[in-house]
Amino acid sequence: MLNLVKKDLKLSKKINIFAVIYALFIATMGLTMPDHPVANILYVLGMVILIFISVIYTNGYDDKYKSEIILNSFPIDRKDIVRGKYISLIIYIIIACSAVLIFTNIILKIGIITNGRSANIWNAIFAANISLIFYSIYYPFYFKLGEGLRSFNTILWILMTVGPAIIGKSFKKLEEIGYLEKILSIDINKINLYLFIFSLMMFYVSLQISKKIYMGKEF
C-alpha cells in the first residue's frame, strides 16, 4: 500500500504548473483584502484547488493508462488500492494547506504585500472539511465508474476557475441586502470544528463503502 501512495505522490509532482500558480494567485488575492470576509474564502479556495488538481491528475493518469487493470494483475490486495487513494488524499490536503499557509506568510514577510493577513489554521481546517466531504461522496462513484467521471471532473474544474468571481458577487449581494453582517456574527470556528469531526466520520464510512464496491468490481 505504501508503494501505491508513493506512486500517486510522484505523479502529483508533474501536475500543471499553471494550475498551481493559479491557486496561489487566488490565495494572494486574499492578502489584498485583509478586512474583508472574502479573504478567508479565497485562502480556502486556493487550498481546495491545489487538492483538486493533485487528485484529478493522479486519477486521470490511472484512467488513461489503465493502471487499475495492471495493478489487479499483481498479487495486491484490492483493499490496499482503495486505502492508497484515501491516504493519498489526506497527504494532498496536508501539502496543499501547508503550501498556502507558508506562501501567504512568505509574501507578507518579504514585504510584497504589507497590510494583509495570511491564511490561518482555521482556513486549512475548512479546506480539509470541504475536501473530505466532497471526496467521501466522490470516491465510491470513482471506484464504481472509473473514467466515467471524466466529464464531471472537467465541469468541476470549470466551476473552480470561475469560483472567485462567483464568490465575490455573492458576498457583494449579501452585503447589499444586509445578510452578510448576520452571517459573520455566527461562530464559524466552532461550526468548523464540529464539521471536521463529521467529515472524518464520513471519510471513514466512505472508505468502507469504496472497499466493498472495489472488491466486487470486475476488470
C-alpha atoms as a PDB file:
ATOM      1  CA  MET A   1       0.000   0.000   0.000  1.00  0.00           C
ATOM      2  CA  LEU A   2       2.874   2.352   0.796  1.00  0.00           C
ATOM      3  CA  ASN A   3       4.211   1.937  -2.747  1.00  0.00           C
ATOM      4  CA  LEU A   4       0.782   2.853  -4.167  1.00  0.00           C
ATOM      5  CA  VAL A   5       0.795   6.076  -2.141  1.00  0.00           C
ATOM      6  CA  LYS A   6       4.352   6.822  -3.313  1.00  0.00           C
ATOM      7  CA  LYS A   7       3.197   6.320  -6.920  1.00  0.00           C
ATOM      8  CA  ASP A   8       0.443   8.908  -6.525  1.00  0.00           C
ATOM      9  CA  LEU A   9       2.784  11.383  -4.829  1.00  0.00           C
ATOM     10  CA  LYS A  10       5.358  11.038  -7.602  1.00  0.00           C
ATOM     11  CA  LEU A  11       2.664  11.646 -10.225  1.00  0.00           C
ATOM     12  CA  SER A  12       1.400  14.702  -8.374  1.00  0.00           C
ATOM     13  CA  LYS A  13       4.816  16.343  -8.864  1.00  0.00           C
ATOM     14  CA  LYS A  14       4.031  16.546 -12.585  1.00  0.00           C
ATOM     15  CA  ILE A  15       0.767  18.483 -12.240  1.00  0.00           C
ATOM     16  CA  ASN A  16       0.222  21.534 -14.415  1.00  0.00           C
ATOM     17  CA  ILE A  17       2.391  24.343 -13.024  1.00  0.00           C
ATOM     18  CA  PHE A  18      -0.069  26.925 -14.345  1.00  0.00           C
ATOM     19  CA  ALA A  19      -2.822  25.384 -12.226  1.00  0.00           C
ATOM     20  CA  VAL A  20      -0.574  25.669  -9.155  1.00  0.00           C
ATOM     21  CA  ILE A  21       0.229  29.302  -9.974  1.00  0.00           C
ATOM     22  CA  TYR A  22      -3.489  29.988 -10.408  1.00  0.00           C
ATOM     23  CA  ALA A  23      -4.290  28.512  -6.986  1.00  0.00           C
ATOM     24  CA  LEU A  24      -1.528  30.521  -5.283  1.00  0.00           C
ATOM     25  CA  PHE A  25      -2.619  33.656  -7.154  1.00  0.00           C
ATOM     26  CA  ILE A  26      -6.129  33.252  -5.710  1.00  0.00           C
ATOM     27  CA  ALA A  27      -4.609  32.929  -2.229  1.00  0.00           C
ATOM     28  CA  THR A  28      -2.547  36.069  -2.861  1.00  0.00           C
ATOM     29  CA  MET A  29      -5.742  37.953  -3.723  1.00  0.00           C
ATOM     30  CA  GLY A  30      -6.862  37.264  -0.168  1.00  0.00           C
ATOM     31  CA  LEU A  31      -3.869  39.201   1.139  1.00  0.00           C
ATOM     32  CA  THR A  32      -5.077  42.317  -0.671  1.00  0.00           C
ATOM     33  CA  MET A  33      -8.337  42.430   1.299  1.00  0.00           C
ATOM     34  CA  PRO A  34      -7.392  41.833   4.966  1.00  0.00           C
ATOM     35  CA  ASP A  35     -10.574  43.308   6.433  1.00  0.00           C
ATOM     36  CA  HIS A  36     -12.993  41.555   4.095  1.00  0.00           C
ATOM     37  CA  PRO A  37     -14.508  38.085   4.756  1.00  0.00           C
ATOM     38  CA  VAL A  38     -13.863  37.143   1.124  1.00  0.00           C
ATOM     39  CA  ALA A  39     -10.156  36.849   2.034  1.00  0.00           C
ATOM     40  CA  ASN A  40     -10.805  33.704   4.079  1.00  0.00           C
ATOM     41  CA  ILE A  41     -12.836  32.204   1.235  1.00  0.00           C
ATOM     42  CA  LEU A  42     -10.024  32.888  -1.236  1.00  0.00           C
ATOM     43  CA  TYR A  43      -7.476  31.185   1.024  1.00  0.00           C
ATOM     44  CA  VAL A  44      -9.752  28.154   1.316  1.00  0.00           C
ATOM     45  CA  LEU A  45     -10.421  28.133  -2.423  1.00  0.00           C
ATOM     46  CA  GLY A  46      -6.692  28.216  -3.167  1.00  0.00           C
ATOM     47  CA  MET A  47      -6.151  25.200  -0.898  1.00  0.00           C
ATOM     48  CA  VAL A  48      -9.085  23.279  -2.366  1.00  0.00           C
ATOM     49  CA  ILE A  49      -7.914  23.889  -5.949  1.00  0.00           C
ATOM     50  CA  LEU A  50      -4.436  22.550  -5.113  1.00  0.00           C
ATOM     51  CA  ILE A  51      -6.011  19.438  -3.596  1.00  0.00           C
ATOM     52  CA  PHE A  52      -8.339  19.004  -6.559  1.00  0.00           C
ATOM     53  CA  ILE A  53      -5.658  19.259  -9.242  1.00  0.00           C
ATOM     54  CA  SER A  54      -3.481  16.759  -7.350  1.00  0.00           C
ATOM     55  CA  VAL A  55      -6.293  14.207  -7.164  1.00  0.00           C
ATOM     56  CA  ILE A  56      -7.563  14.809 -10.691  1.00  0.00           C
ATOM     57  CA  TYR A  57      -4.108  14.439 -12.228  1.00  0.00           C
ATOM     58  CA  THR A  58      -3.170  11.196 -10.473  1.00  0.00           C
ATOM     59  CA  ASN A  59      -6.598   9.642 -11.019  1.00  0.00           C
ATOM     60  CA  GLY A  60      -6.607  10.818 -14.621  1.00  0.00           C
ATOM     61  CA  TYR A  61      -3.226   9.192 -15.172  1.00  0.00           C
ATOM     62  CA  ASP A  62      -4.536   5.892 -13.769  1.00  0.00           C
ATOM     63  CA  ASP A  63      -7.578   6.063 -16.061  1.00  0.00           C
ATOM     64  CA  LYS A  64      -5.563   6.976 -19.153  1.00  0.00           C
ATOM     65  CA  TYR A  65      -3.002   4.187 -18.786  1.00  0.00           C
ATOM     66  CA  LYS A  66      -5.414   1.611 -17.301  1.00  0.00           C
ATOM     67  CA  SER A  67      -3.314   1.370 -14.145  1.00  0.00           C
ATOM     68  CA  GLU A  68      -6.075  -0.430 -12.263  1.00  0.00           C
ATOM     69  CA  ILE A  69      -6.026  -3.339 -14.696  1.00  0.00           C
ATOM     70  CA  ILE A  70      -2.239  -3.624 -14.337  1.00  0.00           C
ATOM     71  CA  LEU A  71      -2.379  -3.379 -10.541  1.00  0.00           C
ATOM     72  CA  ASN A  72      -5.075  -6.039 -10.338  1.00  0.00           C
ATOM     73  CA  SER A  73      -2.894  -8.405 -12.351  1.00  0.00           C
ATOM     74  CA  PHE A  74      -0.388  -8.363  -9.487  1.00  0.00           C
ATOM     75  CA  PRO A  75      -0.862 -10.081  -6.118  1.00  0.00           C
ATOM     76  CA  ILE A  76      -2.047  -6.853  -4.480  1.00  0.00           C
ATOM     77  CA  ASP A  77      -4.933  -6.703  -2.051  1.00  0.00           C
ATOM     78  CA  ARG A  78      -7.694  -4.638  -3.693  1.00  0.00           C
ATOM     79  CA  LYS A  79      -8.441  -3.063  -0.336  1.00  0.00           C
ATOM     80  CA  ASP A  80      -4.910  -1.646  -0.312  1.00  0.00           C
ATOM     81  CA  ILE A  81      -5.537   0.018  -3.687  1.00  0.00           C
ATOM     82  CA  VAL A  82      -8.554   1.783  -2.191  1.00  0.00           C
ATOM     83  CA  ARG A  83      -6.748   2.637   1.035  1.00  0.00           C
ATOM     84  CA  GLY A  84      -3.879   4.069  -1.002  1.00  0.00           C
ATOM     85  CA  LYS A  85      -6.165   6.565  -2.745  1.00  0.00           C
ATOM     86  CA  TYR A  86      -7.703   7.689   0.545  1.00  0.00           C
ATOM     87  CA  ILE A  87      -4.322   8.063   2.250  1.00  0.00           C
ATOM     88  CA  SER A  88      -3.013   9.998  -0.756  1.00  0.00           C
ATOM     89  CA  LEU A  89      -5.937  12.399  -0.368  1.00  0.00           C
ATOM     90  CA  ILE A  90      -5.009  13.058   3.267  1.00  0.00           C
ATOM     91  CA  ILE A  91      -1.427  13.799   2.207  1.00  0.00           C
ATOM     92  CA  TYR A  92      -2.618  16.116  -0.586  1.00  0.00           C
ATOM     93  CA  ILE A  93      -4.744  18.022   1.942  1.00  0.00           C
ATOM     94  CA  ILE A  94      -1.774  18.457   4.290  1.00  0.00           C
ATOM     95  CA  ILE A  95       0.567  19.555   1.469  1.00  0.00           C
ATOM     96  CA  ALA A  96      -1.933  21.946  -0.167  1.00  0.00           C
ATOM     97  CA  CYS A  97      -2.975  23.629   3.071  1.00  0.00           C
ATOM     98  CA  SER A  98       0.644  23.930   4.210  1.00  0.00           C
ATOM     99  CA  ALA A  99       1.635  25.398   0.841  1.00  0.00           C
ATOM    100  CA  VAL A 100      -0.936  28.204   1.059  1.00  0.00           C
ATOM    101  CA  LEU A 101      -0.156  28.874   4.738  1.00  0.00           C
ATOM    102  CA  ILE A 102       3.587  29.101   4.054  1.00  0.00           C
ATOM    103  CA  PHE A 103       3.191  31.002   0.778  1.00  0.00           C
ATOM    104  CA  THR A 104       0.956  33.740   2.217  1.00  0.00           C
ATOM    105  CA  ASN A 105       3.264  34.148   5.218  1.00  0.00           C
ATOM    106  CA  ILE A 106       6.310  34.467   2.941  1.00  0.00           C
ATOM    107  CA  ILE A 107       4.560  37.123   0.820  1.00  0.00           C
ATOM    108  CA  LEU A 108       3.960  39.171   3.978  1.00  0.00           C
ATOM    109  CA  LYS A 109       7.464  38.587   5.396  1.00  0.00           C
ATOM    110  CA  ILE A 110       9.286  39.773   2.278  1.00  0.00           C
ATOM    111  CA  GLY A 111       7.047  42.835   2.069  1.00  0.00           C
ATOM    112  CA  ILE A 112       5.391  42.308  -1.329  1.00  0.00           C
ATOM    113  CA  ILE A 113       2.111  42.962   0.467  1.00  0.00           C
ATOM    114  CA  THR A 114       2.378  44.712   3.830  1.00  0.00           C
ATOM    115  CA  ASN A 115      -1.172  45.270   5.089  1.00  0.00           C
ATOM    116  CA  GLY A 116      -2.586  41.810   4.521  1.00  0.00           C
ATOM    117  CA  ARG A 117      -3.349  38.895   6.828  1.00  0.00           C
ATOM    118  CA  SER A 118      -2.004  35.461   5.980  1.00  0.00           C
ATOM    119  CA  ALA A 119      -4.047  32.278   5.813  1.00  0.00           C
ATOM    120  CA  ASN A 120      -4.557  30.563   9.181  1.00  0.00           C
ATOM    121  CA  ILE A 121      -5.217  27.117  10.604  1.00  0.00           C
ATOM    122  CA  TRP A 122      -8.996  27.657  10.527  1.00  0.00           C
ATOM    123  CA  ASN A 123      -8.809  28.206   6.773  1.00  0.00           C
ATOM    124  CA  ALA A 124      -6.903  24.925   6.498  1.00  0.00           C
ATOM    125  CA  ILE A 125      -9.495  23.062   8.596  1.00  0.00           C
ATOM    126  CA  PHE A 126     -12.303  24.468   6.452  1.00  0.00           C
ATOM    127  CA  ALA A 127     -10.500  23.410   3.254  1.00  0.00           C
ATOM    128  CA  ALA A 128      -9.945  19.957   4.766  1.00  0.00           C
ATOM    129  CA  ASN A 129     -13.648  19.705   5.640  1.00  0.00           C
ATOM    130  CA  ILE A 130     -14.722  20.588   2.102  1.00  0.00           C
ATOM    131  CA  SER A 131     -12.249  18.123   0.575  1.00  0.00           C
ATOM    132  CA  LEU A 132     -13.036  15.263   2.952  1.00  0.00           C
ATOM    133  CA  ILE A 133     -16.792  15.613   2.479  1.00  0.00           C
ATOM    134  CA  PHE A 134     -16.574  16.020  -1.296  1.00  0.00           C
ATOM    135  CA  TYR A 135     -14.235  13.086  -1.858  1.00  0.00           C
ATOM    136  CA  SER A 136     -16.141  10.939   0.614  1.00  0.00           C
ATOM    137  CA  ILE A 137     -19.012  11.216  -1.860  1.00  0.00           C
ATOM    138  CA  TYR A 138     -16.807  11.194  -4.976  1.00  0.00           C
ATOM    139  CA  TYR A 139     -14.631   8.137  -4.355  1.00  0.00           C
ATOM    140  CA  PRO A 140     -17.351   5.473  -4.104  1.00  0.00           C
ATOM    141  CA  PHE A 141     -18.554   6.643  -7.544  1.00  0.00           C
ATOM    142  CA  TYR A 142     -14.957   6.752  -8.782  1.00  0.00           C
ATOM    143  CA  PHE A 143     -14.304   3.136  -7.794  1.00  0.00           C
ATOM    144  CA  LYS A 144     -17.615   2.135  -9.344  1.00  0.00           C
ATOM    145  CA  LEU A 145     -17.409   4.106 -12.612  1.00  0.00           C
ATOM    146  CA  GLY A 146     -13.707   4.892 -13.052  1.00  0.00           C
ATOM    147  CA  GLU A 147     -13.073   7.061 -16.102  1.00  0.00           C
ATOM    148  CA  GLY A 148     -16.826   7.557 -16.487  1.00  0.00           C
ATOM    149  CA  LEU A 149     -16.376  10.564 -14.164  1.00  0.00           C
ATOM    150  CA  ARG A 150     -14.015  12.354 -16.560  1.00  0.00           C
ATOM    151  CA  SER A 151     -16.707  14.735 -17.876  1.00  0.00           C
ATOM    152  CA  PHE A 152     -17.781  15.532 -14.320  1.00  0.00           C
ATOM    153  CA  ASN A 153     -14.188  16.402 -13.399  1.00  0.00           C
ATOM    154  CA  THR A 154     -13.974  18.777 -16.363  1.00  0.00           C
ATOM    155  CA  ILE A 155     -17.152  20.559 -15.296  1.00  0.00           C
ATOM    156  CA  LEU A 156     -15.887  20.810 -11.721  1.00  0.00           C
ATOM    157  CA  TRP A 157     -12.610  22.345 -12.897  1.00  0.00           C
ATOM    158  CA  ILE A 158     -14.505  24.970 -14.894  1.00  0.00           C
ATOM    159  CA  LEU A 159     -16.556  25.826 -11.815  1.00  0.00           C
ATOM    160  CA  MET A 160     -13.383  26.267  -9.784  1.00  0.00           C
ATOM    161  CA  THR A 161     -11.852  28.620 -12.329  1.00  0.00           C
ATOM    162  CA  VAL A 162     -14.885  30.918 -12.195  1.00  0.00           C
ATOM    163  CA  GLY A 163     -15.317  30.372  -8.448  1.00  0.00           C
ATOM    164  CA  PRO A 164     -13.600  33.572  -7.234  1.00  0.00           C
ATOM    165  CA  ALA A 165     -15.813  35.781  -9.427  1.00  0.00           C
ATOM    166  CA  ILE A 166     -18.979  33.990  -8.286  1.00  0.00           C
ATOM    167  CA  ILE A 167     -17.975  34.208  -4.621  1.00  0.00           C
ATOM    168  CA  GLY A 168     -17.143  37.901  -4.909  1.00  0.00           C
ATOM    169  CA  LYS A 169     -20.514  38.713  -6.478  1.00  0.00           C
ATOM    170  CA  SER A 170     -22.365  36.571  -3.923  1.00  0.00           C
ATOM    171  CA  PHE A 171     -20.747  38.355  -0.975  1.00  0.00           C
ATOM    172  CA  LYS A 172     -21.443  41.734  -2.539  1.00  0.00           C
ATOM    173  CA  LYS A 173     -25.096  40.800  -2.975  1.00  0.00           C
ATOM    174  CA  LEU A 174     -25.350  39.556   0.631  1.00  0.00           C
ATOM    175  CA  GLU A 175     -23.780  42.813   1.813  1.00  0.00           C
ATOM    176  CA  GLU A 176     -26.275  44.864  -0.169  1.00  0.00           C
ATOM    177  CA  ILE A 177     -29.307  43.095   1.311  1.00  0.00           C
ATOM    178  CA  GLY A 178     -27.872  43.176   4.859  1.00  0.00           C
ATOM    179  CA  TYR A 179     -27.311  39.445   5.388  1.00  0.00           C
ATOM    180  CA  LEU A 180     -23.507  39.473   5.375  1.00  0.00           C
ATOM    181  CA  GLU A 181     -23.218  41.009   8.849  1.00  0.00           C
ATOM    182  CA  LYS A 182     -25.593  38.392  10.278  1.00  0.00           C
ATOM    183  CA  ILE A 183     -23.580  35.572   8.712  1.00  0.00           C
ATOM    184  CA  LEU A 184     -20.306  36.971  10.082  1.00  0.00           C
ATOM    185  CA  SER A 185     -21.766  37.110  13.605  1.00  0.00           C
ATOM    186  CA  ILE A 186     -22.013  33.293  13.642  1.00  0.00           C
ATOM    187  CA  ASP A 187     -19.198  31.427  15.438  1.00  0.00           C
ATOM    188  CA  ILE A 188     -17.754  29.929  12.254  1.00  0.00           C
ATOM    189  CA  ASN A 189     -14.736  28.381  14.000  1.00  0.00           C
ATOM    190  CA  LYS A 190     -16.917  26.359  16.365  1.00  0.00           C
ATOM    191  CA  ILE A 191     -19.028  25.094  13.458  1.00  0.00           C
ATOM    192  CA  ASN A 192     -15.820  24.377  11.551  1.00  0.00           C
ATOM    193  CA  LEU A 193     -14.552  22.169  14.394  1.00  0.00           C
ATOM    194  CA  TYR A 194     -17.796  20.180  14.622  1.00  0.00           C
ATOM    195  CA  LEU A 195     -17.802  19.832  10.848  1.00  0.00           C
ATOM    196  CA  PHE A 196     -14.251  18.461  10.977  1.00  0.00           C
ATOM    197  CA  ILE A 197     -15.366  15.650  13.278  1.00  0.00           C
ATOM    198  CA  PHE A 198     -18.313  14.915  10.986  1.00  0.00           C
ATOM    199  CA  SER A 199     -16.112  14.950   7.865  1.00  0.00           C
ATOM    200  CA  LEU A 200     -13.685  12.441   9.420  1.00  0.00           C
ATOM    201  CA  MET A 201     -16.561  10.106  10.248  1.00  0.00           C
ATOM    202  CA  MET A 202     -17.927  10.496   6.734  1.00  0.00           C
ATOM    203  CA  PHE A 203     -14.461   9.827   5.300  1.00  0.00           C
ATOM    204  CA  TYR A 204     -14.183   6.561   7.249  1.00  0.00           C
ATOM    205  CA  VAL A 205     -17.637   5.373   6.153  1.00  0.00           C
ATOM    206  CA  SER A 206     -16.797   6.272   2.544  1.00  0.00           C
ATOM    207  CA  LEU A 207     -13.601   4.203   2.755  1.00  0.00           C
ATOM    208  CA  GLN A 208     -15.548   1.143   3.858  1.00  0.00           C
ATOM    209  CA  ILE A 209     -18.109   1.615   1.074  1.00  0.00           C
ATOM    210  CA  SER A 210     -15.387   2.061  -1.566  1.00  0.00           C
ATOM    211  CA  LYS A 211     -13.591  -1.089  -0.411  1.00  0.00           C
ATOM    212  CA  LYS A 212     -16.806  -3.066  -0.685  1.00  0.00           C
ATOM    213  CA  ILE A 213     -17.525  -1.689  -4.164  1.00  0.00           C
ATOM    214  CA  TYR A 214     -13.995  -2.314  -5.416  1.00  0.00           C
ATOM    215  CA  MET A 215     -13.825  -5.853  -4.051  1.00  0.00           C
ATOM    216  CA  GLY A 216     -16.833  -6.765  -6.196  1.00  0.00           C
ATOM    217  CA  LYS A 217     -15.687  -4.948  -9.340  1.00  0.00           C
ATOM    218  CA  GLU A 218     -14.755  -6.937 -12.446  1.00  0.00           C
ATOM    219  CA  PHE A 219     -11.922  -5.982 -14.812  1.00  0.00           C
END
